[in-house]
Protein backbone atom coordinates (compact mmCIF):
# COMPACT_ATOMS: atom_id res chain seq x y z
CA MET A 1 0.00 0.00 0.00
CA LYS A 2 2.85 2.37 0.87
CA GLN A 3 4.47 1.65 -2.51
CA VAL A 4 1.24 2.60 -4.33
CA LYS A 5 1.11 5.92 -2.42
CA THR A 6 4.75 6.62 -3.28
CA LEU A 7 4.15 5.81 -6.95
CA LEU A 8 1.04 8.01 -7.00
CA ILE A 9 2.89 10.95 -5.42
CA ALA A 10 5.80 10.51 -7.85
CA ALA A 11 3.39 10.45 -10.82
CA ILE A 12 1.62 13.63 -9.63
CA MET A 13 4.95 15.38 -9.17
CA MET A 14 6.07 14.37 -12.67
CA LEU A 15 2.81 15.61 -14.20
CA GLY A 16 3.16 18.89 -12.32
CA ALA A 17 6.76 19.27 -13.47
CA ASN A 18 5.74 18.51 -17.07
CA SER A 19 2.98 21.14 -17.05
CA MET A 20 5.39 23.72 -15.62
CA ASN A 21 7.91 22.74 -18.27
CA ALA A 22 5.27 23.15 -21.02
CA GLN A 23 4.54 26.66 -19.80
CA ALA A 24 8.23 27.51 -19.97
CA LYS A 25 8.28 26.40 -23.63
CA THR A 26 5.88 29.09 -24.81
CA ALA A 27 6.92 32.45 -26.21
CA HIS A 28 5.26 35.27 -28.11
CA ILE A 29 5.95 37.74 -30.90
CA ASP A 30 3.90 40.52 -32.50
CA VAL A 31 3.85 39.29 -36.08
CA GLN A 32 2.28 42.46 -37.49
CA GLU A 33 4.97 44.62 -35.91
CA LEU A 34 7.65 42.29 -37.26
CA LEU A 35 6.21 42.39 -40.76
CA SER A 36 5.82 46.17 -40.70
CA LYS A 37 9.50 46.61 -39.82
CA MET A 38 10.84 44.26 -42.47
CA PRO A 39 12.52 46.15 -45.33
CA GLU A 40 10.82 43.89 -47.86
CA MET A 41 7.44 45.01 -46.56
CA THR A 42 8.33 48.67 -47.15
CA THR A 43 9.14 47.84 -50.77
CA ALA A 44 5.93 45.81 -51.11
CA LYS A 45 3.84 48.66 -49.70
CA ALA A 46 5.43 51.08 -52.18
CA GLN A 47 4.62 48.75 -55.10
CA LEU A 48 1.03 48.36 -53.94
CA GLU A 49 0.67 52.11 -53.43
CA THR A 50 1.91 52.75 -57.00
CA LEU A 51 -0.56 50.22 -58.39
CA ASN A 52 -3.36 51.71 -56.28
CA LYS A 53 -2.56 55.22 -57.57
CA THR A 54 -2.72 53.93 -61.14
CA PHE A 55 -6.14 52.40 -60.52
CA ASP A 56 -7.35 55.51 -58.69
CA GLY A 57 -6.19 57.74 -61.54
CA GLU A 58 -8.01 55.70 -64.16
CA TYR A 59 -11.13 55.48 -61.97
CA SER A 60 -11.12 59.26 -61.41
CA LYS A 61 -10.76 59.86 -65.14
CA MET A 62 -13.74 57.61 -65.84
CA VAL A 63 -15.88 59.30 -63.18
CA THR A 64 -14.97 62.78 -64.44
CA GLU A 65 -15.92 61.79 -67.99
CA TYR A 66 -19.20 60.37 -66.68
CA GLN A 67 -20.01 63.54 -64.73
CA THR A 68 -19.12 65.79 -67.67
CA LYS A 69 -21.38 63.85 -70.04
CA MET A 70 -24.15 63.75 -67.47
CA LYS A 71 -24.09 67.56 -67.08
CA LYS A 72 -24.02 68.04 -70.85
CA TYR A 73 -26.90 65.64 -71.41
CA GLU A 74 -28.95 67.16 -68.57
CA GLY A 75 -28.43 70.62 -70.04
CA GLU A 76 -29.52 69.45 -73.49
CA ALA A 77 -32.36 67.18 -72.33
CA ALA A 78 -35.09 69.79 -72.84
CA THR A 79 -34.11 70.41 -76.46
CA ALA A 80 -33.21 66.83 -77.41
CA GLY A 81 -35.96 64.50 -78.52
CA ASP A 82 -37.33 61.57 -76.53
CA ALA A 83 -35.43 59.07 -78.66
CA GLU A 84 -32.15 60.95 -78.15
CA ASN A 85 -32.73 61.25 -74.37
CA GLU A 86 -33.47 57.53 -74.19
CA LYS A 87 -30.28 56.75 -76.11
CA ARG A 88 -28.28 59.01 -73.81
CA ALA A 89 -29.82 57.47 -70.67
CA LYS A 90 -28.80 54.01 -71.90
CA GLU A 91 -25.29 55.30 -72.67
CA MET A 92 -24.98 56.76 -69.17
CA GLN A 93 -26.25 53.55 -67.60
CA ASP A 94 -23.68 51.52 -69.57
CA MET A 95 -20.94 53.95 -68.59
CA GLY A 96 -21.92 53.65 -64.91
CA GLN A 97 -21.76 49.87 -65.16
CA ARG A 98 -18.30 50.01 -66.78
CA ILE A 99 -17.10 52.25 -63.97
CA GLN A 100 -18.45 49.86 -61.36
CA GLN A 101 -16.90 46.85 -63.13
CA TYR A 102 -13.57 48.64 -63.36
CA SER A 103 -13.68 49.45 -59.65
CA GLU A 104 -14.41 45.83 -58.74
CA SER A 105 -11.74 44.54 -61.12
CA ALA A 106 -9.14 47.00 -59.78
CA ARG A 107 -9.94 46.01 -56.20
CA LYS A 108 -9.54 42.32 -57.05
CA GLN A 109 -6.28 42.91 -58.94
CA LEU A 110 -4.92 44.95 -56.04
CA SER A 111 -5.91 42.25 -53.56
CA ASP A 112 -4.36 39.51 -55.71
CA LYS A 113 -1.15 41.51 -56.15
CA GLU A 114 -0.97 42.13 -52.40
CA ALA A 115 -1.30 38.40 -51.71
CA GLU A 116 1.35 37.65 -54.33
CA ILE A 117 3.82 40.19 -52.93
CA VAL A 118 3.20 39.68 -49.21
CA LYS A 119 3.11 35.85 -49.10
CA PRO A 120 6.88 35.36 -49.59
CA ILE A 121 7.57 38.00 -46.93
CA MET A 122 5.23 36.28 -44.49
CA ASP A 123 6.80 32.91 -45.29
CA LYS A 124 10.26 34.34 -44.61
CA ALA A 125 9.11 35.80 -41.28
CA LYS A 126 7.46 32.52 -40.29
CA ALA A 127 10.59 30.53 -41.15
CA ALA A 128 12.70 32.88 -39.00
CA ILE A 129 10.25 32.59 -36.10
CA VAL A 130 10.31 28.80 -36.33
CA LYS A 131 14.12 28.73 -36.51
CA VAL A 132 14.54 31.00 -33.47
CA ALA A 133 11.85 29.15 -31.51
CA LYS A 134 13.50 25.78 -32.15
CA ALA A 135 16.96 27.11 -31.33
CA LYS A 136 15.66 28.48 -28.03
CA GLY A 137 13.68 25.32 -27.20
CA PHE A 138 10.17 26.76 -27.50
CA GLN A 139 7.38 24.45 -28.57
CA TYR A 140 4.75 27.15 -29.01
CA VAL A 141 4.97 30.73 -30.24
CA MET A 142 1.85 32.85 -29.91
CA ASP A 143 1.03 35.99 -31.87
CA ALA A 144 1.17 38.73 -29.23
CA SER A 145 -1.40 40.87 -31.03
CA SER A 146 -4.12 38.37 -30.11
CA LEU A 147 -3.04 37.82 -26.51
CA ILE A 148 -4.51 39.61 -23.54
CA VAL A 149 -1.42 39.09 -21.42
CA ALA A 150 2.00 38.50 -22.95
CA ASP A 151 4.42 38.41 -20.03
CA GLY A 152 6.50 35.50 -21.28
CA PRO A 153 9.57 35.53 -23.50
CA ASN A 154 9.28 37.83 -26.53
CA LEU A 155 11.13 36.57 -29.60
CA PHE A 156 10.91 39.86 -31.52
CA GLU A 157 14.53 40.97 -31.14
CA ASP A 158 15.91 37.46 -31.78
CA VAL A 159 13.81 37.06 -34.93
CA LYS A 160 14.81 40.56 -36.03
CA LYS A 161 18.48 39.53 -35.72
CA GLU A 162 17.78 36.32 -37.62
CA LEU A 163 16.26 38.36 -40.45
CA LYS A 164 19.23 40.75 -40.28
CA PHE A 165 17.45 44.07 -39.97
């Protein structure tokens, strides 16, 4: 009976030690902060901003043309015939649809380009986090931006050194 008690106490102590050890193998890092400070991300943001300005410029040009035609047609509506006004209304409706389609297409292209540019940067950051975590013996690394309390080891500086910036 005494041996069973001793074995039970030893098992409880081992479980307690293992749970304490698991807690010690958890670290955190603010992934968004890391990504925002990576030089590659600055370049990616500049590329995306250039593309966005191109789309915005074209969109603005289309809207200005639409507004100019609309004013012209409204000013001439009283003197134009019903058939002409109907034709112009259809033209304006088509133009509005083209503008909307362009806007949706530009948004999708911008989103696709962002995913294409940012994915390799995120992969590089993740690989560095994994490498540092393994080297330091951590089994889990949490994203600090989603944690309420992040008092444990922060891998930010170590990962920054690994990425050489």
